[in-house]
Structures are given as C-alpha cells and as structure tokens.
Amino acid sequence: MSTTFSKLLRRLGGVSLVATLLVATSGVAHASMSQVQDGFEFNPQSSWLVATGGSAAAGFDVGAGTARSGRNNGWLFASNGWAFEGYWVPTNSVPRYAQCASQFYMQTAGGAQVGIEIWDANAHLLYSTYPWLNGSGAYQAVNTARWNLNGVNPVFVKAIVGASGSSRFVRIDDMTTQCYW
C-alpha cells in the first residue's frame, strides 16, 4: 500500500469513529409524560373538593356498585343551579412549557351538558370544555383538548354540571390528567 493511501484510510477510520461516537452518545429524543389519576377509591371526602350553588347537590357512591372501575365514584345533581367535584393535580415535576389534557368518565341516563374546567390556584380559568353527553346510561369518556400548562402548579381539574329548570344527574369516575413534553 502506498503511504498516501494508508494515511487516507486512517483519516477515514477516524472520521467514521467520530461519527459513530456522536450517534451513540447523542441518543434519540423521547417525549416525556406525567400522569395523575384518581378514581375516588381512597377517601374521596378528603381528596375531592365539592361545591354547589342553587338547587344542586354532589357526593360520592362508596361501594354502591355504580362505579366505572373500582368500588367508588362521584356524582353531581342540579335542577336549578350547578354542582362540581374537583381535584388538585400537582404539576411541580412538569416543565413549564408542557401541554396537558384531562379526562373524566361520566354517566347520565337522560342526557346532559357537562363540563371539565381547569383552574389555577388564583382562580384563573386555564381551559374549559362543555360537551353534551347522550343518555345511553353507559360511562363515556369526556376529554379536554391539550392546553398549555405555562408553569402553573398545581392545577384544579373539575367536572361540573348545571341546569335551569330541568334536573340533571351525572356520575363521574376515573379522572386522569396527563402532561406531555
């Protein structure tokens, strides 16, 4: 082999080694996720905040056989007012630029407009959605679209129902909030 050719092979080998090391040490970027779930299973009276206004009520079915999963669920009733149950979701381990989404499973026999609202600790509404549930009698997933966290910690995730003259009864279960970055 000529000296020039040997030098070229050594240089190419060095370039190949550097390229291999860069690929091996840089790794592949992976999205991360944080998830908080609560299905009313562990002392819901102390972990869920309940509030009503007007002619309304809210509470918990404990071991009643009406839960989507587990033994317990929440419920909301309004005939001329509103009722909600909400849960404080810690987001201190999530980067400020994360996007989050929330979900409840809800059940109603007569159809109802329901809501999921996301609030910060200073009573600022961060996101809301108010879909119509059909009256199938089965639990249905009700989801938010992704919303920007903007560094808020914690967030208050609540299910809400309201009515003006016609009664609405909704069971809720299996709240999940996921943040992605």
Protein backbone atom coordinates (compact mmCIF):
# COMPACT_ATOMS: atom_id res chain seq x y z
CA MET A 1 0.00 0.00 0.00
CA SER A 2 1.21 3.46 -0.72
CA THR A 3 1.80 5.86 2.14
CA THR A 4 -0.79 8.30 0.80
CA PHE A 5 -3.44 5.57 0.61
CA SER A 6 -2.63 4.39 4.18
CA LYS A 7 -2.99 7.97 5.51
CA LEU A 8 -6.34 8.31 3.72
CA LEU A 9 -7.64 5.06 5.26
CA ARG A 10 -6.56 6.17 8.76
CA ARG A 11 -8.31 9.54 8.29
CA LEU A 12 -11.48 7.86 7.06
CA GLY A 13 -11.34 5.44 10.00
CA GLY A 14 -11.00 8.41 12.39
CA VAL A 15 -13.93 10.22 10.79
CA SER A 16 -16.01 7.03 10.98
CA LEU A 17 -15.12 6.59 14.66
CA VAL A 18 -16.06 10.20 15.48
CA ALA A 19 -19.38 9.85 13.61
CA THR A 20 -20.14 6.59 15.44
CA LEU A 21 -19.38 8.19 18.82
CA LEU A 22 -21.59 11.19 18.06
CA VAL A 23 -24.54 8.98 17.14
CA ALA A 24 -24.01 6.66 20.11
CA THR A 25 -23.75 9.44 22.69
CA SER A 26 -26.45 11.77 21.36
CA GLY A 27 -29.24 9.21 21.70
CA VAL A 28 -32.75 9.54 20.39
CA ALA A 29 -35.05 12.26 21.69
CA HIS A 30 -38.05 10.86 23.57
CA ALA A 31 -41.19 12.67 24.62
CA SER A 32 -41.91 12.58 28.33
CA MET A 33 -45.20 12.36 30.17
CA SER A 34 -46.50 12.83 33.71
CA GLN A 35 -49.86 11.34 34.70
CA VAL A 36 -52.13 11.75 37.72
CA GLN A 37 -55.19 9.53 38.15
CA ASP A 38 -57.89 9.36 40.80
CA GLY A 39 -60.93 7.12 40.71
CA PHE A 40 -62.49 8.11 44.08
CA GLU A 41 -61.08 4.96 45.68
CA PHE A 42 -59.17 6.37 48.66
CA ASN A 43 -61.24 8.57 50.97
CA PRO A 44 -62.85 10.79 48.32
CA GLN A 45 -64.34 13.06 51.00
CA SER A 46 -60.85 14.31 51.87
CA SER A 47 -59.23 14.36 48.41
CA TRP A 48 -62.05 15.83 46.29
CA LEU A 49 -63.46 19.34 46.69
CA VAL A 50 -67.25 19.51 46.31
CA ALA A 51 -69.27 22.70 45.75
CA THR A 52 -72.82 23.54 44.71
CA GLY A 53 -74.94 26.59 44.00
CA GLY A 54 -78.71 26.96 43.79
CA SER A 55 -80.76 23.76 43.76
CA ALA A 56 -77.94 21.24 43.42
CA ALA A 57 -76.07 18.51 45.26
CA ALA A 58 -72.91 16.44 44.88
CA GLY A 59 -71.49 13.45 46.66
CA PHE A 60 -69.91 10.03 46.44
CA ASP A 61 -71.15 6.49 45.93
CA VAL A 62 -68.95 4.32 48.15
CA GLY A 63 -69.22 0.60 47.45
CA ALA A 64 -72.63 1.06 45.79
CA GLY A 65 -71.84 -0.89 42.60
CA THR A 66 -72.22 2.17 40.36
CA ALA A 67 -68.53 2.89 39.65
CA ARG A 68 -66.99 2.51 36.21
CA SER A 69 -63.99 0.86 37.85
CA GLY A 70 -63.11 0.10 41.44
CA ARG A 71 -65.74 0.49 44.14
CA ASN A 72 -66.39 4.25 44.33
CA ASN A 73 -67.46 7.15 42.11
CA GLY A 74 -68.64 10.72 42.43
CA TRP A 75 -71.99 12.16 41.39
CA LEU A 76 -73.42 15.58 40.53
CA PHE A 77 -77.06 16.75 40.54
CA ALA A 78 -78.57 20.09 39.52
CA SER A 79 -82.14 21.18 38.85
CA ASN A 80 -81.73 24.94 39.05
CA GLY A 81 -78.07 25.65 39.72
CA TRP A 82 -74.71 23.89 39.43
CA ALA A 83 -72.55 21.28 41.15
CA PHE A 84 -68.93 20.30 40.75
CA GLU A 85 -66.30 17.95 42.13
CA GLY A 86 -62.67 18.83 41.63
CA TYR A 87 -59.19 17.53 42.33
CA TRP A 88 -55.88 19.36 42.81
CA VAL A 89 -53.33 17.88 40.39
CA PRO A 90 -49.67 18.57 41.29
CA THR A 91 -47.58 19.63 38.29
CA ASN A 92 -44.35 20.59 40.07
CA SER A 93 -42.37 17.86 38.22
CA VAL A 94 -43.58 19.04 34.81
CA PRO A 95 -41.68 21.62 32.70
CA ARG A 96 -43.47 24.94 32.34
CA TYR A 97 -43.78 24.52 28.56
CA ALA A 98 -45.67 21.20 28.82
CA GLN A 99 -49.08 20.64 27.30
CA CYS A 100 -51.68 18.78 29.34
CA ALA A 101 -55.03 17.08 28.79
CA SER A 102 -57.65 15.82 31.23
CA GLN A 103 -60.36 13.18 31.10
CA PHE A 104 -63.27 12.00 33.22
CA TYR A 105 -65.63 9.14 32.61
CA MET A 106 -69.21 10.37 33.01
CA GLN A 107 -72.58 8.63 33.00
CA THR A 108 -76.08 10.02 32.65
CA ALA A 109 -79.41 8.38 31.84
CA GLY A 110 -81.23 11.39 30.40
CA GLY A 111 -78.54 13.30 28.53
CA ALA A 112 -76.77 16.34 29.96
CA GLN A 113 -74.36 19.07 29.09
CA VAL A 114 -71.32 18.55 31.30
CA GLY A 115 -68.09 20.42 31.73
CA ILE A 116 -64.46 19.92 32.50
CA GLU A 117 -62.71 23.04 33.75
CA ILE A 118 -59.03 23.57 34.56
CA TRP A 119 -58.17 26.34 37.05
CA ASP A 120 -55.05 27.67 38.72
CA ALA A 121 -54.76 28.44 42.45
CA ASN A 122 -55.53 32.14 41.80
CA ALA A 123 -58.98 31.36 40.35
CA HIS A 124 -57.93 31.86 36.72
CA LEU A 125 -59.67 29.59 34.24
CA LEU A 126 -56.97 27.91 32.11
CA TYR A 127 -59.18 25.73 29.91
CA SER A 128 -62.79 24.53 29.67
CA THR A 129 -64.96 22.31 27.53
CA TYR A 130 -68.73 21.68 27.77
CA PRO A 131 -69.81 18.71 25.63
CA TRP A 132 -73.24 17.09 25.52
CA LEU A 133 -73.45 13.52 26.89
CA ASN A 134 -76.04 11.30 25.30
CA GLY A 135 -78.33 9.43 27.65
CA SER A 136 -77.02 5.95 26.87
CA GLY A 137 -76.66 5.08 30.55
CA ALA A 138 -73.08 3.90 29.96
CA TYR A 139 -69.96 5.68 31.18
CA GLN A 140 -68.49 7.82 28.40
CA ALA A 141 -65.00 9.33 28.16
CA VAL A 142 -65.10 13.13 28.25
CA ASN A 143 -61.78 14.72 27.26
CA THR A 144 -60.23 18.12 27.00
CA ALA A 145 -58.02 19.07 24.10
CA ARG A 146 -54.40 19.76 25.07
CA TRP A 147 -53.94 23.00 26.97
CA ASN A 148 -50.72 24.87 27.81
CA LEU A 149 -49.51 24.47 31.38
CA ASN A 150 -47.44 27.70 31.37
CA GLY A 151 -45.70 26.72 34.60
CA VAL A 152 -48.87 26.55 36.72
CA ASN A 153 -48.60 24.31 39.79
CA PRO A 154 -50.94 22.81 40.88
CA VAL A 155 -53.99 22.80 38.58
CA PHE A 156 -57.55 22.23 39.75
CA VAL A 157 -59.40 19.81 37.48
CA LYS A 158 -63.15 19.70 37.96
CA ALA A 159 -66.23 18.06 36.49
CA ILE A 160 -69.29 20.30 36.53
CA VAL A 161 -72.97 20.11 35.63
CA GLY A 162 -75.57 22.85 35.60
CA ALA A 163 -79.30 23.06 34.98
CA SER A 164 -82.01 25.67 34.77
CA GLY A 165 -85.41 24.08 35.40
CA SER A 166 -84.70 20.53 34.26
CA SER A 167 -82.89 18.07 36.51
CA ARG A 168 -79.51 16.68 35.51
CA PHE A 169 -77.80 13.78 37.27
CA VAL A 170 -74.28 12.67 36.29
CA ARG A 171 -71.94 10.07 37.77
CA ILE A 172 -68.22 10.70 37.37
CA ASP A 173 -65.25 8.37 37.75
CA ASP A 174 -61.61 7.80 36.79
CA MET A 175 -60.15 11.30 36.39
CA THR A 176 -56.83 11.33 34.51
CA THR A 177 -54.61 14.32 33.78
CA GLN A 178 -51.56 13.86 31.57
CA CYS A 179 -48.87 16.40 30.76
CA TYR A 180 -46.56 15.95 27.74
CA TRP A 181 -43.20 17.49 26.89
